[in-house]
Amino acid sequence: MQEAKLKSWKTFCTINDGVNPWNIVYKIASRKIRTSTRLTTLKKEDGTYTTDTRSKIMHMLEHFIPDDRVDSDNKLHRKIRKEIQEPTDMVDDKAFRNEEIANLKKIQLKKGSWRGWIN
């Protein structure tokens, strides 16, 4: 009985994709199918398309990281600009102790290490 169940299950899992919609799900989940997505072109606001890798990257940078211009600030941005101009020193601020700095230098970071920033 167990052999018959196993044989039936194996047959079910190998049926043509058109007949068994779960076959593709199984293959994807078990990483037997590898798909790669390749960014070919992007449509720009003016209706034209990017033509090469450089133009795609430049378009994405301009879209996701726009210029920091005062004339395009909204209310929140104006507030932030004003706040960063004000000194942040407080009366009760204390300088870091040498011991604290030494402890920071000992930290071993795997990625994006900022260790070189501490002198």
C-alpha atoms as a PDB file:
ATOM      1  CA  MET A   1       0.000   0.000   0.000  1.00  0.00           C
ATOM      2  CA  GLN A   2       2.830   2.410   0.946  1.00  0.00           C
ATOM      3  CA  GLU A   3       4.611   1.697  -2.359  1.00  0.00           C
ATOM      4  CA  ALA A   4       1.453   2.460  -4.323  1.00  0.00           C
ATOM      5  CA  LYS A   5       0.993   5.776  -2.508  1.00  0.00           C
ATOM      6  CA  LEU A   6       4.609   6.789  -3.154  1.00  0.00           C
ATOM      7  CA  LYS A   7       4.358   5.822  -6.836  1.00  0.00           C
ATOM      8  CA  SER A   8       1.121   7.772  -7.187  1.00  0.00           C
ATOM      9  CA  TRP A   9       2.671  10.834  -5.533  1.00  0.00           C
ATOM     10  CA  LYS A  10       5.745  10.728  -7.807  1.00  0.00           C
ATOM     11  CA  THR A  11       3.501  10.444 -10.867  1.00  0.00           C
ATOM     12  CA  PHE A  12       1.395  13.371  -9.668  1.00  0.00           C
ATOM     13  CA  CYS A  13       4.509  15.529  -9.151  1.00  0.00           C
ATOM     14  CA  THR A  14       5.849  14.835 -12.649  1.00  0.00           C
ATOM     15  CA  ILE A  15       2.665  15.377 -14.664  1.00  0.00           C
ATOM     16  CA  ASN A  16       2.912  17.932 -17.478  1.00  0.00           C
ATOM     17  CA  ASP A  17       2.733  21.573 -16.288  1.00  0.00           C
ATOM     18  CA  GLY A  18      -0.467  22.164 -18.269  1.00  0.00           C
ATOM     19  CA  VAL A  19      -2.224  19.356 -16.419  1.00  0.00           C
ATOM     20  CA  ASN A  20      -0.734  19.849 -12.957  1.00  0.00           C
ATOM     21  CA  PRO A  21      -0.517  23.527 -11.959  1.00  0.00           C
ATOM     22  CA  TRP A  22       1.381  22.626  -8.765  1.00  0.00           C
ATOM     23  CA  ASN A  23       4.291  21.191 -10.736  1.00  0.00           C
ATOM     24  CA  ILE A  24       5.733  24.655 -11.461  1.00  0.00           C
ATOM     25  CA  VAL A  25       5.198  25.689  -7.825  1.00  0.00           C
ATOM     26  CA  TYR A  26       7.163  22.656  -6.684  1.00  0.00           C
ATOM     27  CA  LYS A  27       9.969  23.358  -9.150  1.00  0.00           C
ATOM     28  CA  ILE A  28      10.251  26.990  -8.090  1.00  0.00           C
ATOM     29  CA  ALA A  29      10.143  26.111  -4.383  1.00  0.00           C
ATOM     30  CA  SER A  30      12.825  23.472  -4.808  1.00  0.00           C
ATOM     31  CA  ARG A  31      14.894  25.914  -6.913  1.00  0.00           C
ATOM     32  CA  LYS A  32      14.919  23.594  -9.899  1.00  0.00           C
ATOM     33  CA  ILE A  33      13.858  26.504 -12.082  1.00  0.00           C
ATOM     34  CA  ARG A  34      16.064  29.556 -12.088  1.00  0.00           C
ATOM     35  CA  THR A  35      14.779  32.722 -13.595  1.00  0.00           C
ATOM     36  CA  SER A  36      16.745  35.891 -13.996  1.00  0.00           C
ATOM     37  CA  THR A  37      15.226  39.264 -14.462  1.00  0.00           C
ATOM     38  CA  ARG A  38      17.113  41.643 -16.654  1.00  0.00           C
ATOM     39  CA  LEU A  39      16.285  45.298 -16.745  1.00  0.00           C
ATOM     40  CA  THR A  40      16.292  46.252 -20.419  1.00  0.00           C
ATOM     41  CA  THR A  41      14.811  49.743 -20.761  1.00  0.00           C
ATOM     42  CA  LEU A  42      12.911  52.264 -18.691  1.00  0.00           C
ATOM     43  CA  LYS A  43      10.280  54.671 -19.919  1.00  0.00           C
ATOM     44  CA  LYS A  44      11.115  58.224 -18.889  1.00  0.00           C
ATOM     45  CA  GLU A  45       8.626  60.972 -17.993  1.00  0.00           C
ATOM     46  CA  ASP A  46       8.984  62.538 -21.454  1.00  0.00           C
ATOM     47  CA  GLY A  47       7.895  59.279 -23.115  1.00  0.00           C
ATOM     48  CA  THR A  48      11.351  58.296 -24.376  1.00  0.00           C
ATOM     49  CA  TYR A  49      13.210  55.183 -23.261  1.00  0.00           C
ATOM     50  CA  THR A  50      16.642  54.646 -21.798  1.00  0.00           C
ATOM     51  CA  THR A  51      19.105  53.281 -24.327  1.00  0.00           C
ATOM     52  CA  ASP A  52      21.946  51.692 -22.367  1.00  0.00           C
ATOM     53  CA  THR A  53      23.080  50.774 -18.862  1.00  0.00           C
ATOM     54  CA  ARG A  54      24.449  54.241 -18.153  1.00  0.00           C
ATOM     55  CA  SER A  55      21.218  55.986 -19.159  1.00  0.00           C
ATOM     56  CA  LYS A  56      19.187  53.514 -17.033  1.00  0.00           C
ATOM     57  CA  ILE A  57      21.337  54.153 -13.967  1.00  0.00           C
ATOM     58  CA  MET A  58      21.290  57.927 -14.462  1.00  0.00           C
ATOM     59  CA  HIS A  59      17.511  57.893 -14.896  1.00  0.00           C
ATOM     60  CA  MET A  60      17.031  55.826 -11.709  1.00  0.00           C
ATOM     61  CA  LEU A  61      19.375  58.103  -9.750  1.00  0.00           C
ATOM     62  CA  GLU A  62      17.561  61.225 -10.920  1.00  0.00           C
ATOM     63  CA  HIS A  63      14.194  59.645 -10.098  1.00  0.00           C
ATOM     64  CA  PHE A  64      14.970  58.108  -6.698  1.00  0.00           C
ATOM     65  CA  ILE A  65      17.554  60.644  -5.485  1.00  0.00           C
ATOM     66  CA  PRO A  66      16.442  64.024  -6.814  1.00  0.00           C
ATOM     67  CA  ASP A  67      18.503  67.198  -6.442  1.00  0.00           C
ATOM     68  CA  ASP A  68      18.319  68.774  -3.003  1.00  0.00           C
ATOM     69  CA  ARG A  69      16.928  72.170  -3.951  1.00  0.00           C
ATOM     70  CA  VAL A  70      15.454  74.746  -1.564  1.00  0.00           C
ATOM     71  CA  ASP A  71      12.928  75.932  -4.157  1.00  0.00           C
ATOM     72  CA  SER A  72      11.299  72.476  -4.279  1.00  0.00           C
ATOM     73  CA  ASP A  73      10.985  71.975  -0.493  1.00  0.00           C
ATOM     74  CA  ASN A  74       7.638  71.221   1.085  1.00  0.00           C
ATOM     75  CA  LYS A  75       6.677  72.297   4.620  1.00  0.00           C
ATOM     76  CA  LEU A  76       8.458  69.340   6.289  1.00  0.00           C
ATOM     77  CA  HIS A  77      11.666  69.895   4.305  1.00  0.00           C
ATOM     78  CA  ARG A  78      11.697  73.603   5.187  1.00  0.00           C
ATOM     79  CA  LYS A  79      11.311  72.675   8.880  1.00  0.00           C
ATOM     80  CA  ILE A  80      14.170  70.168   8.680  1.00  0.00           C
ATOM     81  CA  ARG A  81      16.453  72.683   6.916  1.00  0.00           C
ATOM     82  CA  LYS A  82      15.733  75.216   9.662  1.00  0.00           C
ATOM     83  CA  GLU A  83      16.370  72.696  12.455  1.00  0.00           C
ATOM     84  CA  ILE A  84      19.719  71.544  11.086  1.00  0.00           C
ATOM     85  CA  GLN A  85      20.965  75.139  11.010  1.00  0.00           C
ATOM     86  CA  GLU A  86      20.468  75.461  14.762  1.00  0.00           C
ATOM     87  CA  PRO A  87      23.295  74.297  17.062  1.00  0.00           C
ATOM     88  CA  THR A  88      22.680  70.915  18.653  1.00  0.00           C
ATOM     89  CA  ASP A  89      24.987  71.397  21.620  1.00  0.00           C
ATOM     90  CA  MET A  90      23.143  71.139  24.880  1.00  0.00           C
ATOM     91  CA  VAL A  91      24.241  72.323  28.287  1.00  0.00           C
ATOM     92  CA  ASP A  92      24.411  68.770  29.613  1.00  0.00           C
ATOM     93  CA  ASP A  93      26.304  67.322  26.598  1.00  0.00           C
ATOM     94  CA  LYS A  94      29.432  65.453  27.619  1.00  0.00           C
ATOM     95  CA  ALA A  95      32.391  64.612  25.425  1.00  0.00           C
ATOM     96  CA  PHE A  96      33.105  60.950  24.721  1.00  0.00           C
ATOM     97  CA  ARG A  97      35.640  59.443  27.093  1.00  0.00           C
ATOM     98  CA  ASN A  98      38.804  57.818  25.731  1.00  0.00           C
ATOM     99  CA  GLU A  99      37.580  54.483  27.107  1.00  0.00           C
ATOM    100  CA  GLU A 100      34.355  54.730  25.080  1.00  0.00           C
ATOM    101  CA  ILE A 101      36.280  55.529  21.907  1.00  0.00           C
ATOM    102  CA  ALA A 102      38.694  52.634  22.549  1.00  0.00           C
ATOM    103  CA  ASN A 103      35.724  50.256  22.948  1.00  0.00           C
ATOM    104  CA  LEU A 104      34.267  51.438  19.639  1.00  0.00           C
ATOM    105  CA  LYS A 105      37.583  50.769  17.894  1.00  0.00           C
ATOM    106  CA  LYS A 106      37.478  47.151  19.126  1.00  0.00           C
ATOM    107  CA  ILE A 107      34.140  46.396  17.479  1.00  0.00           C
ATOM    108  CA  GLN A 108      34.557  44.057  14.499  1.00  0.00           C
ATOM    109  CA  LEU A 109      32.063  44.838  11.776  1.00  0.00           C
ATOM    110  CA  LYS A 110      31.483  42.523   8.834  1.00  0.00           C
ATOM    111  CA  LYS A 111      29.945  44.891   6.285  1.00  0.00           C
ATOM    112  CA  GLY A 112      29.980  48.634   5.818  1.00  0.00           C
ATOM    113  CA  SER A 113      32.686  49.143   8.391  1.00  0.00           C
ATOM    114  CA  TRP A 114      32.945  52.673   9.743  1.00  0.00           C
ATOM    115  CA  ARG A 115      35.980  51.754  11.802  1.00  0.00           C
ATOM    116  CA  GLY A 116      38.256  53.963   9.694  1.00  0.00           C
ATOM    117  CA  TRP A 117      36.237  57.030  10.651  1.00  0.00           C
ATOM    118  CA  ILE A 118      37.434  56.899  14.263  1.00  0.00           C
ATOM    119  CA  ASN A 119      40.911  58.332  14.865  1.00  0.00           C
END
